[in-house]
Amino acid sequence: MGKLHNKVAVITGGASGIGAATARLFVSEGAKVVLVDLNEEKGLAFEKELKALHGDALFIKANITVEEEVADIFKRAIEAFGKVDIVFNNAGIGRVHSSHDLDYSEWRNTINVDLDGVFLVAREAIREMLKQGGGTIVNTASMYGWVGSPGSAAYNAAKGGVINLTRSLALEYAERSIRINSLCPGFIDTPIIPEESKQALAQMTPMKRLGQAEEMAKAVLFLASDDSSFMTGNSLTVDGGYTAQ
């Protein structure tokens, strides 16, 4: 029996990268998964892939920055599977741009997706988890929520916000059987990183390689499962040693 037997997990940003790797691992551990993404083509194809592996999966196209669409995610998840036990709050964006040339609209868009969207999904998840007596939320932050990086002011600010949002929510709901932790990845070999940048980013990492999406998925599984049953408000940094420098 898998670690997530009969659990229902909502995964935002679930059609590719860390979200998709986590969905595959969750299904292998017995979970039913709800994949949330803006990329409908990839999302539907991935839903089909998971079903072919005898997994229970549902794809929902939704924008996590729109309150009504976030509410609909949970409405449809509960209609399909009856409950939501786990939320991997993973959708996000990232751009490198000199701060003095950064348009305010771009700043707002990054904060809107990477922080506001995380809050909206967490808030809706908590509402459902309070009704059913508990649950687990894992928010994707970043090692850049802990340290600075030139040209990433908006992203760093948002991810730092996710880390402290996680702490605050965890304390608020600790007595209500809702555990809330965050994952802080380093440089991960996913499509979001341009091919021409990968070697340089690997050299910046003490382990001299990029992390793999599957390695992040294992960390999410730890935080989402009973293996971390006495952890809440924690930020698990999985970065090949970058923030130890």
C-alpha atoms as a PDB file:
ATOM      1  CA  MET A   1       0.000   0.000   0.000  1.00  0.00           C
ATOM      2  CA  GLY A   2       1.380   3.404  -0.993  1.00  0.00           C
ATOM      3  CA  LYS A   3       2.082   6.312   1.334  1.00  0.00           C
ATOM      4  CA  LEU A   4      -0.841   8.244  -0.170  1.00  0.00           C
ATOM      5  CA  HIS A   5      -3.343   5.402  -0.482  1.00  0.00           C
ATOM      6  CA  ASN A   6      -6.848   6.787  -1.032  1.00  0.00           C
ATOM      7  CA  LYS A   7      -5.644  10.396  -0.697  1.00  0.00           C
ATOM      8  CA  VAL A   8      -6.801  13.138  -3.073  1.00  0.00           C
ATOM      9  CA  ALA A   9      -4.179  15.706  -4.105  1.00  0.00           C
ATOM     10  CA  VAL A  10      -4.591  18.988  -5.974  1.00  0.00           C
ATOM     11  CA  ILE A  11      -1.412  20.026  -7.813  1.00  0.00           C
ATOM     12  CA  THR A  12      -1.177  23.492  -9.371  1.00  0.00           C
ATOM     13  CA  GLY A  13       1.310  23.915 -12.173  1.00  0.00           C
ATOM     14  CA  GLY A  14       0.709  20.211 -12.603  1.00  0.00           C
ATOM     15  CA  ALA A  15       1.205  19.764 -16.339  1.00  0.00           C
ATOM     16  CA  SER A  16       5.008  19.948 -16.455  1.00  0.00           C
ATOM     17  CA  GLY A  17       8.227  20.208 -14.465  1.00  0.00           C
ATOM     18  CA  ILE A  18       8.121  19.636 -10.711  1.00  0.00           C
ATOM     19  CA  GLY A  19       4.320  19.529 -10.700  1.00  0.00           C
ATOM     20  CA  ALA A  20       4.170  16.720 -13.261  1.00  0.00           C
ATOM     21  CA  ALA A  21       6.956  14.730 -11.578  1.00  0.00           C
ATOM     22  CA  THR A  22       5.089  15.038  -8.286  1.00  0.00           C
ATOM     23  CA  ALA A  23       1.825  13.910  -9.879  1.00  0.00           C
ATOM     24  CA  ARG A  24       3.514  10.779 -11.258  1.00  0.00           C
ATOM     25  CA  LEU A  25       5.008   9.964  -7.866  1.00  0.00           C
ATOM     26  CA  PHE A  26       1.751  10.644  -6.026  1.00  0.00           C
ATOM     27  CA  VAL A  27      -0.171   8.323  -8.364  1.00  0.00           C
ATOM     28  CA  SER A  28       2.435   5.603  -7.826  1.00  0.00           C
ATOM     29  CA  GLU A  29       1.865   6.026  -4.071  1.00  0.00           C
ATOM     30  CA  GLY A  30      -1.882   5.553  -4.410  1.00  0.00           C
ATOM     31  CA  ALA A  31      -3.211   9.113  -4.669  1.00  0.00           C
ATOM     32  CA  LYS A  32      -5.915  10.482  -6.915  1.00  0.00           C
ATOM     33  CA  VAL A  33      -4.629  13.686  -8.499  1.00  0.00           C
ATOM     34  CA  VAL A  34      -6.245  16.877  -9.747  1.00  0.00           C
ATOM     35  CA  LEU A  35      -3.926  18.614 -12.198  1.00  0.00           C
ATOM     36  CA  VAL A  36      -4.318  22.386 -12.455  1.00  0.00           C
ATOM     37  CA  ASP A  37      -2.570  24.359 -15.197  1.00  0.00           C
ATOM     38  CA  LEU A  38      -3.149  27.080 -17.783  1.00  0.00           C
ATOM     39  CA  ASN A  39      -1.726  24.883 -20.552  1.00  0.00           C
ATOM     40  CA  GLU A  40      -4.783  22.909 -21.570  1.00  0.00           C
ATOM     41  CA  GLU A  41      -3.055  20.877 -24.294  1.00  0.00           C
ATOM     42  CA  LYS A  42      -0.316  19.629 -21.952  1.00  0.00           C
ATOM     43  CA  GLY A  43      -2.738  19.168 -19.086  1.00  0.00           C
ATOM     44  CA  LEU A  44      -5.173  16.974 -20.992  1.00  0.00           C
ATOM     45  CA  ALA A  45      -2.326  14.921 -22.484  1.00  0.00           C
ATOM     46  CA  PHE A  46      -0.841  14.378 -19.023  1.00  0.00           C
ATOM     47  CA  GLU A  47      -4.226  13.424 -17.578  1.00  0.00           C
ATOM     48  CA  LYS A  48      -4.458  10.779 -20.317  1.00  0.00           C
ATOM     49  CA  GLU A  49      -0.921   9.571 -19.520  1.00  0.00           C
ATOM     50  CA  LEU A  50      -1.699   9.115 -15.830  1.00  0.00           C
ATOM     51  CA  LYS A  51      -4.944   7.295 -16.570  1.00  0.00           C
ATOM     52  CA  ALA A  52      -2.994   4.945 -18.847  1.00  0.00           C
ATOM     53  CA  LEU A  53      -0.866   4.138 -15.784  1.00  0.00           C
ATOM     54  CA  HIS A  54      -4.118   3.156 -14.014  1.00  0.00           C
ATOM     55  CA  GLY A  55      -4.103   6.366 -12.005  1.00  0.00           C
ATOM     56  CA  ASP A  56      -7.144   8.449 -11.131  1.00  0.00           C
ATOM     57  CA  ALA A  57      -6.556  11.908 -12.606  1.00  0.00           C
ATOM     58  CA  LEU A  58      -8.539  14.993 -13.517  1.00  0.00           C
ATOM     59  CA  PHE A  59      -7.226  18.030 -15.399  1.00  0.00           C
ATOM     60  CA  ILE A  60      -8.688  21.485 -14.720  1.00  0.00           C
ATOM     61  CA  LYS A  61      -7.641  24.557 -16.659  1.00  0.00           C
ATOM     62  CA  ALA A  62      -7.570  27.454 -14.202  1.00  0.00           C
ATOM     63  CA  ASN A  63      -5.833  30.715 -13.383  1.00  0.00           C
ATOM     64  CA  ILE A  64      -4.761  30.717  -9.732  1.00  0.00           C
ATOM     65  CA  THR A  65      -4.919  34.514  -9.552  1.00  0.00           C
ATOM     66  CA  VAL A  66      -8.693  34.547 -10.167  1.00  0.00           C
ATOM     67  CA  GLU A  67     -10.696  33.858  -7.005  1.00  0.00           C
ATOM     68  CA  GLU A  68     -13.672  32.335  -8.815  1.00  0.00           C
ATOM     69  CA  GLU A  69     -11.469  29.944 -10.769  1.00  0.00           C
ATOM     70  CA  VAL A  70      -9.643  28.855  -7.612  1.00  0.00           C
ATOM     71  CA  ALA A  71     -12.966  28.147  -5.894  1.00  0.00           C
ATOM     72  CA  ASP A  72     -14.052  26.126  -8.945  1.00  0.00           C
ATOM     73  CA  ILE A  73     -10.920  23.958  -8.718  1.00  0.00           C
ATOM     74  CA  PHE A  74     -11.944  22.706  -5.299  1.00  0.00           C
ATOM     75  CA  LYS A  75     -15.618  22.426  -6.208  1.00  0.00           C
ATOM     76  CA  ARG A  76     -14.784  20.178  -9.164  1.00  0.00           C
ATOM     77  CA  ALA A  77     -12.165  18.181  -7.229  1.00  0.00           C
ATOM     78  CA  ILE A  78     -14.710  17.376  -4.522  1.00  0.00           C
ATOM     79  CA  GLU A  79     -17.382  16.550  -7.092  1.00  0.00           C
ATOM     80  CA  ALA A  80     -14.960  14.118  -8.750  1.00  0.00           C
ATOM     81  CA  PHE A  81     -13.260  12.530  -5.738  1.00  0.00           C
ATOM     82  CA  GLY A  82     -15.256  13.553  -2.653  1.00  0.00           C
ATOM     83  CA  LYS A  83     -12.505  15.346  -0.731  1.00  0.00           C
ATOM     84  CA  VAL A  84      -9.111  17.098  -0.896  1.00  0.00           C
ATOM     85  CA  ASP A  85      -6.413  15.779   1.457  1.00  0.00           C
ATOM     86  CA  ILE A  86      -3.287  17.347  -0.052  1.00  0.00           C
ATOM     87  CA  VAL A  87      -2.560  20.526  -1.969  1.00  0.00           C
ATOM     88  CA  PHE A  88       0.761  21.064  -3.728  1.00  0.00           C
ATOM     89  CA  ASN A  89       0.607  24.809  -4.295  1.00  0.00           C
ATOM     90  CA  ASN A  90       3.204  24.863  -7.040  1.00  0.00           C
ATOM     91  CA  ALA A  91       2.204  27.160  -9.918  1.00  0.00           C
ATOM     92  CA  GLY A  92       4.517  30.107 -10.462  1.00  0.00           C
ATOM     93  CA  ILE A  93       6.488  32.226 -12.889  1.00  0.00           C
ATOM     94  CA  GLY A  94       9.978  33.701 -12.915  1.00  0.00           C
ATOM     95  CA  ARG A  95      11.816  36.284 -14.980  1.00  0.00           C
ATOM     96  CA  VAL A  96      15.250  37.943 -14.803  1.00  0.00           C
ATOM     97  CA  HIS A  97      15.095  41.687 -15.373  1.00  0.00           C
ATOM     98  CA  SER A  98      17.149  44.658 -14.180  1.00  0.00           C
ATOM     99  CA  SER A  99      15.193  46.318 -11.388  1.00  0.00           C
ATOM    100  CA  HIS A 100      15.677  49.863 -12.692  1.00  0.00           C
ATOM    101  CA  ASP A 101      14.078  48.814 -15.985  1.00  0.00           C
ATOM    102  CA  LEU A 102      11.352  46.659 -14.436  1.00  0.00           C
ATOM    103  CA  ASP A 103       7.864  47.824 -15.362  1.00  0.00           C
ATOM    104  CA  TYR A 104       5.513  48.003 -12.407  1.00  0.00           C
ATOM    105  CA  SER A 105       3.042  45.853 -14.355  1.00  0.00           C
ATOM    106  CA  GLU A 106       5.648  43.082 -14.565  1.00  0.00           C
ATOM    107  CA  TRP A 107       6.405  43.429 -10.845  1.00  0.00           C
ATOM    108  CA  ARG A 108       2.683  43.158 -10.066  1.00  0.00           C
ATOM    109  CA  ASN A 109       2.232  40.157 -12.350  1.00  0.00           C
ATOM    110  CA  THR A 110       5.059  38.250 -10.656  1.00  0.00           C
ATOM    111  CA  ILE A 111       3.774  39.037  -7.161  1.00  0.00           C
ATOM    112  CA  ASN A 112       0.229  38.246  -8.281  1.00  0.00           C
ATOM    113  CA  VAL A 113       1.111  34.746  -9.490  1.00  0.00           C
ATOM    114  CA  ASP A 114       3.918  33.781  -7.108  1.00  0.00           C
ATOM    115  CA  LEU A 115       2.451  35.144  -3.862  1.00  0.00           C
ATOM    116  CA  ASP A 116      -1.172  36.214  -4.254  1.00  0.00           C
ATOM    117  CA  GLY A 117      -2.029  33.035  -6.185  1.00  0.00           C
ATOM    118  CA  VAL A 118      -0.378  30.886  -3.531  1.00  0.00           C
ATOM    119  CA  PHE A 119      -2.504  32.604  -0.885  1.00  0.00           C
ATOM    120  CA  LEU A 120      -5.738  32.191  -2.859  1.00  0.00           C
ATOM    121  CA  VAL A 121      -5.158  28.463  -3.362  1.00  0.00           C
ATOM    122  CA  ALA A 122      -4.096  27.957   0.266  1.00  0.00           C
ATOM    123  CA  ARG A 123      -7.130  29.883   1.527  1.00  0.00           C
ATOM    124  CA  GLU A 124      -9.554  27.758  -0.498  1.00  0.00           C
ATOM    125  CA  ALA A 125      -7.748  24.569   0.541  1.00  0.00           C
ATOM    126  CA  ILE A 126      -7.955  25.547   4.210  1.00  0.00           C
ATOM    127  CA  ARG A 127     -11.695  26.225   3.896  1.00  0.00           C
ATOM    128  CA  GLU A 128     -12.249  22.684   2.644  1.00  0.00           C
ATOM    129  CA  MET A 129      -9.806  21.094   5.078  1.00  0.00           C
ATOM    130  CA  LEU A 130     -11.529  22.749   8.034  1.00  0.00           C
ATOM    131  CA  LYS A 131     -14.787  21.105   6.937  1.00  0.00           C
ATOM    132  CA  GLN A 132     -13.244  17.642   6.712  1.00  0.00           C
ATOM    133  CA  GLY A 133     -11.026  17.818   9.791  1.00  0.00           C
ATOM    134  CA  GLY A 134      -7.547  18.357   8.402  1.00  0.00           C
ATOM    135  CA  GLY A 135      -5.143  18.102   5.504  1.00  0.00           C
ATOM    136  CA  THR A 136      -1.705  18.994   4.229  1.00  0.00           C
ATOM    137  CA  ILE A 137      -0.489  21.899   2.085  1.00  0.00           C
ATOM    138  CA  VAL A 138       2.928  22.228   0.470  1.00  0.00           C
ATOM    139  CA  ASN A 139       3.740  25.647  -0.998  1.00  0.00           C
ATOM    140  CA  THR A 140       6.506  26.030  -3.564  1.00  0.00           C
ATOM    141  CA  ALA A 141       8.854  28.820  -2.481  1.00  0.00           C
ATOM    142  CA  SER A 142      12.504  28.897  -3.597  1.00  0.00           C
ATOM    143  CA  MET A 143      16.042  29.072  -2.310  1.00  0.00           C
ATOM    144  CA  TYR A 144      15.708  32.663  -3.556  1.00  0.00           C
ATOM    145  CA  GLY A 145      13.211  33.233  -0.803  1.00  0.00           C
ATOM    146  CA  TRP A 146      16.247  33.003   1.523  1.00  0.00           C
ATOM    147  CA  VAL A 147      18.989  34.722  -0.470  1.00  0.00           C
ATOM    148  CA  GLY A 148      19.161  37.546  -2.990  1.00  0.00           C
ATOM    149  CA  SER A 149      19.808  37.338  -6.701  1.00  0.00           C
ATOM    150  CA  PRO A 150      20.537  40.265  -9.059  1.00  0.00           C
ATOM    151  CA  GLY A 151      17.738  40.869 -11.539  1.00  0.00           C
ATOM    152  CA  SER A 152      15.132  38.857  -9.641  1.00  0.00           C
ATOM    153  CA  ALA A 153      13.725  41.398  -7.202  1.00  0.00           C
ATOM    154  CA  ALA A 154      10.056  40.604  -7.802  1.00  0.00           C
ATOM    155  CA  TYR A 155      10.575  36.836  -7.775  1.00  0.00           C
ATOM    156  CA  ASN A 156      12.719  36.953  -4.637  1.00  0.00           C
ATOM    157  CA  ALA A 157      10.228  39.191  -2.846  1.00  0.00           C
ATOM    158  CA  ALA A 158       7.356  36.884  -3.735  1.00  0.00           C
ATOM    159  CA  LYS A 159       9.177  33.712  -2.689  1.00  0.00           C
ATOM    160  CA  GLY A 160      10.313  35.275   0.575  1.00  0.00           C
ATOM    161  CA  GLY A 161       6.664  36.126   1.116  1.00  0.00           C
ATOM    162  CA  VAL A 162       5.652  32.514   0.472  1.00  0.00           C
ATOM    163  CA  ILE A 163       8.061  31.308   3.174  1.00  0.00           C
ATOM    164  CA  ASN A 164       6.617  33.634   5.795  1.00  0.00           C
ATOM    165  CA  LEU A 165       3.042  33.121   4.596  1.00  0.00           C
ATOM    166  CA  THR A 166       3.640  29.404   5.136  1.00  0.00           C
ATOM    167  CA  ARG A 167       4.833  30.010   8.700  1.00  0.00           C
ATOM    168  CA  SER A 168       1.887  32.242   9.534  1.00  0.00           C
ATOM    169  CA  LEU A 169      -0.750  29.893   8.130  1.00  0.00           C
ATOM    170  CA  ALA A 170       0.912  26.903   9.764  1.00  0.00           C
ATOM    171  CA  LEU A 171       0.701  28.516  13.186  1.00  0.00           C
ATOM    172  CA  GLU A 172      -2.865  29.647  12.629  1.00  0.00           C
ATOM    173  CA  TYR A 173      -4.136  26.160  11.773  1.00  0.00           C
ATOM    174  CA  ALA A 174      -1.749  23.881  13.682  1.00  0.00           C
ATOM    175  CA  GLU A 175      -4.442  22.973  16.229  1.00  0.00           C
ATOM    176  CA  ARG A 176      -6.937  22.237  13.445  1.00  0.00           C
ATOM    177  CA  SER A 177      -4.940  19.307  11.989  1.00  0.00           C
ATOM    178  CA  ILE A 178      -3.812  21.234   8.918  1.00  0.00           C
ATOM    179  CA  ARG A 179      -0.064  21.022   8.286  1.00  0.00           C
ATOM    180  CA  ILE A 180       1.471  23.643   6.006  1.00  0.00           C
ATOM    181  CA  ASN A 181       5.101  23.575   4.855  1.00  0.00           C
ATOM    182  CA  SER A 182       7.048  24.972   1.920  1.00  0.00           C
ATOM    183  CA  LEU A 183       9.570  23.542  -0.513  1.00  0.00           C
ATOM    184  CA  CYS A 184      12.527  25.723  -1.512  1.00  0.00           C
ATOM    185  CA  PRO A 185      14.109  24.268  -4.665  1.00  0.00           C
ATOM    186  CA  GLY A 186      17.446  25.285  -6.107  1.00  0.00           C
ATOM    187  CA  PHE A 187      18.267  25.217  -9.816  1.00  0.00           C
ATOM    188  CA  ILE A 188      16.163  22.398 -11.250  1.00  0.00           C
ATOM    189  CA  ASP A 189      16.500  20.897 -14.722  1.00  0.00           C
ATOM    190  CA  THR A 190      13.054  21.766 -16.063  1.00  0.00           C
ATOM    191  CA  PRO A 191      11.863  23.471 -19.281  1.00  0.00           C
ATOM    192  CA  ILE A 192      11.736  26.834 -17.478  1.00  0.00           C
ATOM    193  CA  ILE A 193      15.578  26.989 -17.533  1.00  0.00           C
ATOM    194  CA  PRO A 194      17.026  27.844 -20.974  1.00  0.00           C
ATOM    195  CA  GLU A 195      19.383  25.187 -22.295  1.00  0.00           C
ATOM    196  CA  GLU A 196      22.210  27.738 -22.687  1.00  0.00           C
ATOM    197  CA  SER A 197      22.022  28.611 -18.966  1.00  0.00           C
ATOM    198  CA  LYS A 198      22.136  25.113 -17.520  1.00  0.00           C
ATOM    199  CA  GLN A 199      25.907  24.623 -17.428  1.00  0.00           C
ATOM    200  CA  ALA A 200      26.511  27.971 -15.701  1.00  0.00           C
ATOM    201  CA  LEU A 201      23.802  27.314 -13.112  1.00  0.00           C
ATOM    202  CA  ALA A 202      25.241  23.867 -12.437  1.00  0.00           C
ATOM    203  CA  GLN A 203      28.646  25.424 -11.783  1.00  0.00           C
ATOM    204  CA  MET A 204      27.063  27.847  -9.303  1.00  0.00           C
ATOM    205  CA  THR A 205      25.736  24.868  -7.320  1.00  0.00           C
ATOM    206  CA  PRO A 206      28.173  23.215  -4.862  1.00  0.00           C
ATOM    207  CA  MET A 207      27.148  19.734  -6.078  1.00  0.00           C
ATOM    208  CA  LYS A 208      28.018  20.906  -9.637  1.00  0.00           C
ATOM    209  CA  ARG A 209      24.789  19.738 -11.198  1.00  0.00           C
ATOM    210  CA  LEU A 210      21.187  20.782 -11.547  1.00  0.00           C
ATOM    211  CA  GLY A 211      18.532  19.144  -9.421  1.00  0.00           C
ATOM    212  CA  GLN A 212      15.990  16.879 -11.066  1.00  0.00           C
ATOM    213  CA  ALA A 213      12.229  17.322 -10.921  1.00  0.00           C
ATOM    214  CA  GLU A 214      11.952  13.789  -9.547  1.00  0.00           C
ATOM    215  CA  GLU A 215      14.176  14.762  -6.596  1.00  0.00           C
ATOM    216  CA  MET A 216      11.840  17.634  -5.783  1.00  0.00           C
ATOM    217  CA  ALA A 217       8.853  15.299  -6.074  1.00  0.00           C
ATOM    218  CA  LYS A 218      10.340  13.043  -3.396  1.00  0.00           C
ATOM    219  CA  ALA A 219      10.704  16.041  -1.088  1.00  0.00           C
ATOM    220  CA  VAL A 220       7.077  17.012  -1.730  1.00  0.00           C
ATOM    221  CA  LEU A 221       5.981  13.452  -0.979  1.00  0.00           C
ATOM    222  CA  PHE A 222       7.825  13.625   2.346  1.00  0.00           C
ATOM    223  CA  LEU A 223       6.097  16.885   3.278  1.00  0.00           C
ATOM    224  CA  ALA A 224       2.685  15.715   2.072  1.00  0.00           C
ATOM    225  CA  SER A 225       2.739  12.295   3.730  1.00  0.00           C
ATOM    226  CA  ASP A 226       2.708  11.090   7.311  1.00  0.00           C
ATOM    227  CA  ASP A 227       6.500  10.781   7.133  1.00  0.00           C
ATOM    228  CA  SER A 228       6.557  14.463   8.166  1.00  0.00           C
ATOM    229  CA  SER A 229       3.648  14.244  10.603  1.00  0.00           C
ATOM    230  CA  PHE A 230       5.328  16.449  13.258  1.00  0.00           C
ATOM    231  CA  MET A 231       6.389  19.161  10.808  1.00  0.00           C
ATOM    232  CA  THR A 232       4.494  22.368  10.126  1.00  0.00           C
ATOM    233  CA  GLY A 233       5.645  25.882   9.291  1.00  0.00           C
ATOM    234  CA  ASN A 234       8.889  24.463   7.939  1.00  0.00           C
ATOM    235  CA  SER A 235      10.696  25.424   4.725  1.00  0.00           C
ATOM    236  CA  LEU A 236      12.601  22.501   3.272  1.00  0.00           C
ATOM    237  CA  THR A 237      15.500  23.725   1.130  1.00  0.00           C
ATOM    238  CA  VAL A 238      16.618  21.285  -1.581  1.00  0.00           C
ATOM    239  CA  ASP A 239      19.270  23.190  -3.501  1.00  0.00           C
ATOM    240  CA  GLY A 240      22.452  21.126  -3.878  1.00  0.00           C
ATOM    241  CA  GLY A 241      24.115  23.240  -1.192  1.00  0.00           C
ATOM    242  CA  TYR A 242      23.601  26.671  -2.802  1.00  0.00           C
ATOM    243  CA  THR A 243      22.319  28.480   0.291  1.00  0.00           C
ATOM    244  CA  ALA A 244      25.043  26.927   2.504  1.00  0.00           C
ATOM    245  CA  GLN A 245      27.666  29.067   0.746  1.00  0.00           C
END
